[in-house]
Amino acid sequence: MELSDDVLCVFSAQIGGQNGSYHINIPDRELTLGDLEPGSSYRIAILSSDSAQTTATEARRSTHERTASKPPVEVGDQRTVDIENIGEQGDGIARVERGYVVVVPETELNERVTIEITRVTETVAFGEVLEREEYYQ
């Protein structure tokens, strides 16, 4: 099964119900990996239990192969990103596809900036600010 690079995580879970409402418990490890944030909204897909285990295994393998083979950005790429955190050295940290980290110096928390990727490694990229968006645009 081919999965989009937009897929943040894949896991198996049981659907619970109470008072006409249904819920799915998300494993702690999905939050620990940094792909999901409590209180945020996400789209989900529900697959039959017959295909769920096979699909989850294939998705993990497919995600691992994509991650191991090539970062989702290249030097020279331009992206508009939101600065989600500030690193230990004061640089802004943004995430792009599959939670891949981009370090952007001279930015502030919650700032939205257009950047150019200047350096790429297997686990992290570095970007330079090209343009800053006005707050609340």
C-alpha atoms as a PDB file:
ATOM      1  CA  MET A   1       0.000   0.000   0.000  1.00  0.00           C
ATOM      2  CA  GLU A   2       1.449   3.391  -0.989  1.00  0.00           C
ATOM      3  CA  LEU A   3       1.038   6.146   1.604  1.00  0.00           C
ATOM      4  CA  SER A   4       1.283   9.884   1.125  1.00  0.00           C
ATOM      5  CA  ASP A   5       4.180  11.775   2.717  1.00  0.00           C
ATOM      6  CA  ASP A   6       1.451  13.662   4.631  1.00  0.00           C
ATOM      7  CA  VAL A   7       0.807  10.596   6.833  1.00  0.00           C
ATOM      8  CA  LEU A   8       2.130  11.433  10.321  1.00  0.00           C
ATOM      9  CA  CYS A   9       1.658   8.069  12.017  1.00  0.00           C
ATOM     10  CA  VAL A  10       0.057   4.652  11.643  1.00  0.00           C
ATOM     11  CA  PHE A  11      -1.087   2.468  14.530  1.00  0.00           C
ATOM     12  CA  SER A  12      -3.753  -0.068  15.424  1.00  0.00           C
ATOM     13  CA  ALA A  13      -6.414   0.701  18.009  1.00  0.00           C
ATOM     14  CA  GLN A  14      -9.856  -0.366  19.103  1.00  0.00           C
ATOM     15  CA  ILE A  15     -12.797   1.997  18.793  1.00  0.00           C
ATOM     16  CA  GLY A  16     -14.588   2.612  22.076  1.00  0.00           C
ATOM     17  CA  GLY A  17     -18.039   4.020  22.514  1.00  0.00           C
ATOM     18  CA  GLN A  18     -20.060   5.752  25.192  1.00  0.00           C
ATOM     19  CA  ASN A  19     -23.381   7.652  25.076  1.00  0.00           C
ATOM     20  CA  GLY A  20     -23.584   7.641  21.274  1.00  0.00           C
ATOM     21  CA  SER A  21     -20.029   8.928  20.828  1.00  0.00           C
ATOM     22  CA  TYR A  22     -16.957   6.996  19.739  1.00  0.00           C
ATOM     23  CA  HIS A  23     -13.280   7.429  20.558  1.00  0.00           C
ATOM     24  CA  ILE A  24      -9.874   6.079  19.617  1.00  0.00           C
ATOM     25  CA  ASN A  25      -6.994   6.041  22.088  1.00  0.00           C
ATOM     26  CA  ILE A  26      -3.724   7.204  20.564  1.00  0.00           C
ATOM     27  CA  PRO A  27      -0.639   5.407  21.930  1.00  0.00           C
ATOM     28  CA  ASP A  28       1.768   7.577  23.958  1.00  0.00           C
ATOM     29  CA  ARG A  29       4.615   6.701  21.590  1.00  0.00           C
ATOM     30  CA  GLU A  30       2.886   8.616  18.782  1.00  0.00           C
ATOM     31  CA  LEU A  31       2.971  11.789  20.881  1.00  0.00           C
ATOM     32  CA  THR A  32       6.512  11.098  22.076  1.00  0.00           C
ATOM     33  CA  LEU A  33       7.760  10.960  18.485  1.00  0.00           C
ATOM     34  CA  GLY A  34       6.558  14.546  18.022  1.00  0.00           C
ATOM     35  CA  ASP A  35       4.203  13.917  15.127  1.00  0.00           C
ATOM     36  CA  LEU A  36       1.027  14.643  17.104  1.00  0.00           C
ATOM     37  CA  GLU A  37       0.145  17.307  19.660  1.00  0.00           C
ATOM     38  CA  PRO A  38      -2.587  16.985  22.300  1.00  0.00           C
ATOM     39  CA  GLY A  39      -5.529  19.281  21.617  1.00  0.00           C
ATOM     40  CA  SER A  40      -4.819  19.539  17.866  1.00  0.00           C
ATOM     41  CA  SER A  41      -7.199  18.310  15.166  1.00  0.00           C
ATOM     42  CA  TYR A  42      -6.207  15.646  12.637  1.00  0.00           C
ATOM     43  CA  ARG A  43      -7.863  13.682   9.852  1.00  0.00           C
ATOM     44  CA  ILE A  44      -7.961   9.931  10.354  1.00  0.00           C
ATOM     45  CA  ALA A  45      -8.689   6.929   8.168  1.00  0.00           C
ATOM     46  CA  ILE A  46     -10.225   3.747   9.519  1.00  0.00           C
ATOM     47  CA  LEU A  47      -9.375   0.433   7.868  1.00  0.00           C
ATOM     48  CA  SER A  48     -10.964  -2.947   8.508  1.00  0.00           C
ATOM     49  CA  SER A  49      -9.296  -5.092  11.147  1.00  0.00           C
ATOM     50  CA  ASP A  50      -8.391  -7.670   8.471  1.00  0.00           C
ATOM     51  CA  SER A  51      -6.206  -5.168   6.647  1.00  0.00           C
ATOM     52  CA  ALA A  52      -5.183  -2.970   9.588  1.00  0.00           C
ATOM     53  CA  GLN A  53      -2.250  -5.087  10.823  1.00  0.00           C
ATOM     54  CA  THR A  54      -0.846  -5.589   7.328  1.00  0.00           C
ATOM     55  CA  THR A  55      -1.354  -1.924   6.486  1.00  0.00           C
ATOM     56  CA  ALA A  56       0.320  -0.732   9.700  1.00  0.00           C
ATOM     57  CA  THR A  57       3.331  -2.967   9.064  1.00  0.00           C
ATOM     58  CA  GLU A  58       3.579  -1.817   5.442  1.00  0.00           C
ATOM     59  CA  ALA A  59       3.194   1.823   6.483  1.00  0.00           C
ATOM     60  CA  ARG A  60       5.975   1.568   9.056  1.00  0.00           C
ATOM     61  CA  ARG A  61       8.244  -0.084   6.482  1.00  0.00           C
ATOM     62  CA  SER A  62       7.284   2.433   3.794  1.00  0.00           C
ATOM     63  CA  THR A  63       7.807   5.400   6.163  1.00  0.00           C
ATOM     64  CA  HIS A  64      11.157   3.997   7.291  1.00  0.00           C
ATOM     65  CA  GLU A  65      12.288   3.433   3.700  1.00  0.00           C
ATOM     66  CA  ARG A  66      11.261   6.977   2.662  1.00  0.00           C
ATOM     67  CA  THR A  67      12.911   8.499   5.726  1.00  0.00           C
ATOM     68  CA  ALA A  68      16.084   6.468   5.359  1.00  0.00           C
ATOM     69  CA  SER A  69      16.355   7.054   1.632  1.00  0.00           C
ATOM     70  CA  LYS A  70      15.917  10.795   1.324  1.00  0.00           C
ATOM     71  CA  PRO A  71      15.062  13.850   3.437  1.00  0.00           C
ATOM     72  CA  PRO A  72      11.866  15.646   2.333  1.00  0.00           C
ATOM     73  CA  VAL A  73      13.791  18.845   1.445  1.00  0.00           C
ATOM     74  CA  GLU A  74      16.750  19.720  -0.758  1.00  0.00           C
ATOM     75  CA  VAL A  75      19.227  22.601  -0.757  1.00  0.00           C
ATOM     76  CA  GLY A  76      17.607  25.546  -2.541  1.00  0.00           C
ATOM     77  CA  ASP A  77      14.014  24.561  -1.711  1.00  0.00           C
ATOM     78  CA  GLN A  78      11.829  27.428  -0.540  1.00  0.00           C
ATOM     79  CA  ARG A  79       9.168  26.764   2.088  1.00  0.00           C
ATOM     80  CA  THR A  80       6.821  28.756   4.267  1.00  0.00           C
ATOM     81  CA  VAL A  81       7.063  27.334   7.789  1.00  0.00           C
ATOM     82  CA  ASP A  82       5.842  28.079  11.299  1.00  0.00           C
ATOM     83  CA  ILE A  83       8.445  28.260  14.056  1.00  0.00           C
ATOM     84  CA  GLU A  84       7.159  25.730  16.604  1.00  0.00           C
ATOM     85  CA  ASN A  85       9.992  25.768  19.152  1.00  0.00           C
ATOM     86  CA  ILE A  86      13.203  27.549  20.030  1.00  0.00           C
ATOM     87  CA  GLY A  87      16.320  25.389  20.310  1.00  0.00           C
ATOM     88  CA  GLU A  88      18.948  25.456  23.054  1.00  0.00           C
ATOM     89  CA  GLN A  89      21.078  27.916  21.040  1.00  0.00           C
ATOM     90  CA  GLY A  90      18.147  30.240  20.332  1.00  0.00           C
ATOM     91  CA  ASP A  91      17.429  29.116  16.778  1.00  0.00           C
ATOM     92  CA  GLY A  92      13.869  28.586  15.575  1.00  0.00           C
ATOM     93  CA  ILE A  93      12.704  25.051  14.898  1.00  0.00           C
ATOM     94  CA  ALA A  94      10.093  24.169  12.287  1.00  0.00           C
ATOM     95  CA  ARG A  95       8.827  20.811  11.034  1.00  0.00           C
ATOM     96  CA  VAL A  96       7.945  19.833   7.493  1.00  0.00           C
ATOM     97  CA  GLU A  97       6.814  16.493   6.012  1.00  0.00           C
ATOM     98  CA  ARG A  98       7.051  13.432   8.284  1.00  0.00           C
ATOM     99  CA  GLY A  99       8.112  15.654  11.192  1.00  0.00           C
ATOM    100  CA  TYR A 100      11.495  16.415   9.600  1.00  0.00           C
ATOM    101  CA  VAL A 101      13.194  19.241  11.525  1.00  0.00           C
ATOM    102  CA  VAL A 102      14.371  22.488   9.938  1.00  0.00           C
ATOM    103  CA  VAL A 103      16.498  24.849  12.040  1.00  0.00           C
ATOM    104  CA  VAL A 104      15.991  28.529  11.183  1.00  0.00           C
ATOM    105  CA  PRO A 105      18.277  31.072  12.925  1.00  0.00           C
ATOM    106  CA  GLU A 106      17.066  34.564  13.825  1.00  0.00           C
ATOM    107  CA  THR A 107      13.401  33.640  14.204  1.00  0.00           C
ATOM    108  CA  GLU A 108      10.918  33.811  17.067  1.00  0.00           C
ATOM    109  CA  LEU A 109       8.418  31.327  18.467  1.00  0.00           C
ATOM    110  CA  ASN A 110       5.142  31.193  16.440  1.00  0.00           C
ATOM    111  CA  GLU A 111       6.625  33.284  13.638  1.00  0.00           C
ATOM    112  CA  ARG A 112       5.700  32.314  10.068  1.00  0.00           C
ATOM    113  CA  VAL A 113       8.572  32.738   7.627  1.00  0.00           C
ATOM    114  CA  THR A 114       9.472  31.838   4.077  1.00  0.00           C
ATOM    115  CA  ILE A 115      12.873  30.179   4.065  1.00  0.00           C
ATOM    116  CA  GLU A 116      15.410  28.783   1.657  1.00  0.00           C
ATOM    117  CA  ILE A 117      17.022  25.488   2.626  1.00  0.00           C
ATOM    118  CA  THR A 118      20.795  26.022   2.841  1.00  0.00           C
ATOM    119  CA  ARG A 119      22.024  22.696   4.250  1.00  0.00           C
ATOM    120  CA  VAL A 120      20.493  19.215   4.493  1.00  0.00           C
ATOM    121  CA  THR A 121      21.511  16.207   6.560  1.00  0.00           C
ATOM    122  CA  GLU A 122      19.764  12.883   7.058  1.00  0.00           C
ATOM    123  CA  THR A 123      18.005  14.072  10.221  1.00  0.00           C
ATOM    124  CA  VAL A 124      17.863  17.877  10.063  1.00  0.00           C
ATOM    125  CA  ALA A 125      18.020  20.770   7.597  1.00  0.00           C
ATOM    126  CA  PHE A 126      18.976  24.423   8.008  1.00  0.00           C
ATOM    127  CA  GLY A 127      17.196  27.354   6.433  1.00  0.00           C
ATOM    128  CA  GLU A 128      17.694  31.063   5.936  1.00  0.00           C
ATOM    129  CA  VAL A 129      14.827  33.554   6.222  1.00  0.00           C
ATOM    130  CA  LEU A 130      13.772  35.106   2.915  1.00  0.00           C
ATOM    131  CA  GLU A 131      10.562  36.797   4.071  1.00  0.00           C
ATOM    132  CA  ARG A 132       8.616  37.237   7.306  1.00  0.00           C
ATOM    133  CA  GLU A 133       4.824  37.193   7.290  1.00  0.00           C
ATOM    134  CA  GLU A 134       2.974  39.808   9.244  1.00  0.00           C
ATOM    135  CA  TYR A 135       1.312  38.411  12.350  1.00  0.00           C
ATOM    136  CA  TYR A 136      -2.369  37.489  11.986  1.00  0.00           C
ATOM    137  CA  GLN A 137      -2.401  37.541   8.179  1.00  0.00           C
END
